[in-house]
Amino acid sequence: MMAVSVYQSELDRQSGFLFANVGAAGSGSVRYAAAMYFYSLDMMPAPMLEIYRMCSKFDCEDPIDLAKFEGVELPPFTKTRHTGRRG
């Protein structure tokens, strides 16, 4: 059971990074690194990872908003967490 707890703990931690406040210094890179983590677990589709990559150098660019604009399907777990807040 400990492995499941550790695994969930890391998922929660990475999820926090994925939804770092838009506009916070360094947040674009942090979100992209978290997106790569979820991609490695097959939880993030390649087109969405590409959105995070494109936004990674722009802390003020919201990848969820861009994905919606571009018509990229959002992973289910991003639909419930996105607040659209700017840091």
C-alpha atoms as a PDB file:
ATOM      1  CA  MET A   1       0.000   0.000   0.000  1.00  0.00           C
ATOM      2  CA  MET A   2       2.857   2.416   0.640  1.00  0.00           C
ATOM      3  CA  ALA A   3       3.737   2.560  -3.079  1.00  0.00           C
ATOM      4  CA  VAL A   4       0.200   3.621  -3.972  1.00  0.00           C
ATOM      5  CA  SER A   5       0.316   6.356  -1.335  1.00  0.00           C
ATOM      6  CA  VAL A   6       3.676   7.610  -2.591  1.00  0.00           C
ATOM      7  CA  TYR A   7       2.447   7.436  -6.183  1.00  0.00           C
ATOM      8  CA  GLN A   8      -0.706   9.443  -5.336  1.00  0.00           C
ATOM      9  CA  SER A   9       1.394  11.905  -3.388  1.00  0.00           C
ATOM     10  CA  GLU A  10       3.590  12.516  -6.440  1.00  0.00           C
ATOM     11  CA  LEU A  11       0.546  12.825  -8.706  1.00  0.00           C
ATOM     12  CA  ASP A  12      -0.872  15.444  -6.350  1.00  0.00           C
ATOM     13  CA  ARG A  13       2.445  17.291  -6.228  1.00  0.00           C
ATOM     14  CA  GLN A  14       2.845  17.315 -10.008  1.00  0.00           C
ATOM     15  CA  SER A  15      -0.779  18.371 -10.406  1.00  0.00           C
ATOM     16  CA  GLY A  16      -0.018  21.390  -8.235  1.00  0.00           C
ATOM     17  CA  PHE A  17       2.882  22.254 -10.538  1.00  0.00           C
ATOM     18  CA  LEU A  18       0.727  21.745 -13.641  1.00  0.00           C
ATOM     19  CA  PHE A  19      -1.715  24.342 -12.358  1.00  0.00           C
ATOM     20  CA  ALA A  20       0.876  26.868 -11.161  1.00  0.00           C
ATOM     21  CA  ASN A  21      -0.539  30.374 -11.238  1.00  0.00           C
ATOM     22  CA  VAL A  22      -0.376  31.924 -14.667  1.00  0.00           C
ATOM     23  CA  GLY A  23       1.854  34.983 -14.520  1.00  0.00           C
ATOM     24  CA  ALA A  24       4.040  33.821 -11.628  1.00  0.00           C
ATOM     25  CA  ALA A  25       7.750  34.010 -12.438  1.00  0.00           C
ATOM     26  CA  GLY A  26       8.979  30.691 -13.817  1.00  0.00           C
ATOM     27  CA  SER A  27       5.483  29.185 -13.911  1.00  0.00           C
ATOM     28  CA  GLY A  28       5.593  28.356 -17.623  1.00  0.00           C
ATOM     29  CA  SER A  29       8.613  26.090 -17.198  1.00  0.00           C
ATOM     30  CA  VAL A  30       7.155  24.523 -14.060  1.00  0.00           C
ATOM     31  CA  ARG A  31       3.889  23.722 -15.854  1.00  0.00           C
ATOM     32  CA  TYR A  32       5.738  22.220 -18.823  1.00  0.00           C
ATOM     33  CA  ALA A  33       7.868  19.976 -16.593  1.00  0.00           C
ATOM     34  CA  ALA A  34       4.714  18.734 -14.870  1.00  0.00           C
ATOM     35  CA  ALA A  35       3.060  18.176 -18.250  1.00  0.00           C
ATOM     36  CA  MET A  36       6.025  16.015 -19.272  1.00  0.00           C
ATOM     37  CA  TYR A  37       5.559  13.991 -16.068  1.00  0.00           C
ATOM     38  CA  PHE A  38       1.909  13.325 -16.930  1.00  0.00           C
ATOM     39  CA  TYR A  39       2.834  12.595 -20.553  1.00  0.00           C
ATOM     40  CA  SER A  40       5.318   9.957 -19.375  1.00  0.00           C
ATOM     41  CA  LEU A  41       2.420   8.252 -17.540  1.00  0.00           C
ATOM     42  CA  ASP A  42       0.189   8.417 -20.651  1.00  0.00           C
ATOM     43  CA  MET A  43      -2.088  10.864 -18.866  1.00  0.00           C
ATOM     44  CA  MET A  44      -1.266  13.815 -21.129  1.00  0.00           C
ATOM     45  CA  PRO A  45      -1.808  13.524 -24.902  1.00  0.00           C
ATOM     46  CA  ALA A  46       0.977  14.704 -27.198  1.00  0.00           C
ATOM     47  CA  PRO A  47      -1.004  17.668 -28.624  1.00  0.00           C
ATOM     48  CA  MET A  48      -1.606  19.003 -25.113  1.00  0.00           C
ATOM     49  CA  LEU A  49       2.056  18.503 -24.188  1.00  0.00           C
ATOM     50  CA  GLU A  50       2.913  20.586 -27.255  1.00  0.00           C
ATOM     51  CA  ILE A  51       0.644  23.365 -25.956  1.00  0.00           C
ATOM     52  CA  TYR A  52       2.504  23.321 -22.624  1.00  0.00           C
ATOM     53  CA  ARG A  53       5.811  23.408 -24.527  1.00  0.00           C
ATOM     54  CA  MET A  54       4.730  26.427 -26.553  1.00  0.00           C
ATOM     55  CA  CYS A  55       3.615  28.241 -23.387  1.00  0.00           C
ATOM     56  CA  SER A  56       6.662  27.257 -21.330  1.00  0.00           C
ATOM     57  CA  LYS A  57       8.667  30.397 -22.055  1.00  0.00           C
ATOM     58  CA  PHE A  58       5.714  32.719 -21.457  1.00  0.00           C
ATOM     59  CA  ASP A  59       4.703  32.752 -17.807  1.00  0.00           C
ATOM     60  CA  CYS A  60       1.626  34.836 -18.620  1.00  0.00           C
ATOM     61  CA  GLU A  61       0.306  32.436 -21.261  1.00  0.00           C
ATOM     62  CA  ASP A  62      -2.421  30.058 -19.998  1.00  0.00           C
ATOM     63  CA  PRO A  63      -1.989  26.655 -21.691  1.00  0.00           C
ATOM     64  CA  ILE A  64      -5.581  25.613 -20.979  1.00  0.00           C
ATOM     65  CA  ASP A  65      -6.936  28.752 -22.633  1.00  0.00           C
ATOM     66  CA  LEU A  66      -4.617  28.254 -25.605  1.00  0.00           C
ATOM     67  CA  ALA A  67      -5.651  24.595 -25.935  1.00  0.00           C
ATOM     68  CA  LYS A  68      -9.314  25.598 -25.986  1.00  0.00           C
ATOM     69  CA  PHE A  69      -8.571  28.279 -28.587  1.00  0.00           C
ATOM     70  CA  GLU A  70      -6.622  25.794 -30.737  1.00  0.00           C
ATOM     71  CA  GLY A  71      -9.288  23.087 -30.357  1.00  0.00           C
ATOM     72  CA  VAL A  72      -6.950  20.694 -28.535  1.00  0.00           C
ATOM     73  CA  GLU A  73      -8.782  18.199 -26.354  1.00  0.00           C
ATOM     74  CA  LEU A  74      -8.057  18.658 -22.659  1.00  0.00           C
ATOM     75  CA  PRO A  75      -7.137  15.692 -20.477  1.00  0.00           C
ATOM     76  CA  PRO A  76     -10.074  14.963 -18.134  1.00  0.00           C
ATOM     77  CA  PHE A  77      -8.158  15.881 -14.975  1.00  0.00           C
ATOM     78  CA  THR A  78      -7.394  19.368 -16.288  1.00  0.00           C
ATOM     79  CA  LYS A  79     -11.067  20.204 -16.761  1.00  0.00           C
ATOM     80  CA  THR A  80     -11.809  20.062 -13.050  1.00  0.00           C
ATOM     81  CA  ARG A  81      -8.726  21.929 -11.780  1.00  0.00           C
ATOM     82  CA  HIS A  82      -8.335  24.855 -14.159  1.00  0.00           C
ATOM     83  CA  THR A  83      -9.356  28.130 -12.601  1.00  0.00           C
ATOM     84  CA  GLY A  84      -8.119  30.528 -15.258  1.00  0.00           C
ATOM     85  CA  ARG A  85      -6.600  32.670 -12.497  1.00  0.00           C
ATOM     86  CA  ARG A  86      -3.688  34.845 -13.253  1.00  0.00           C
ATOM     87  CA  GLY A  87      -0.926  35.074 -10.628  1.00  0.00           C
END
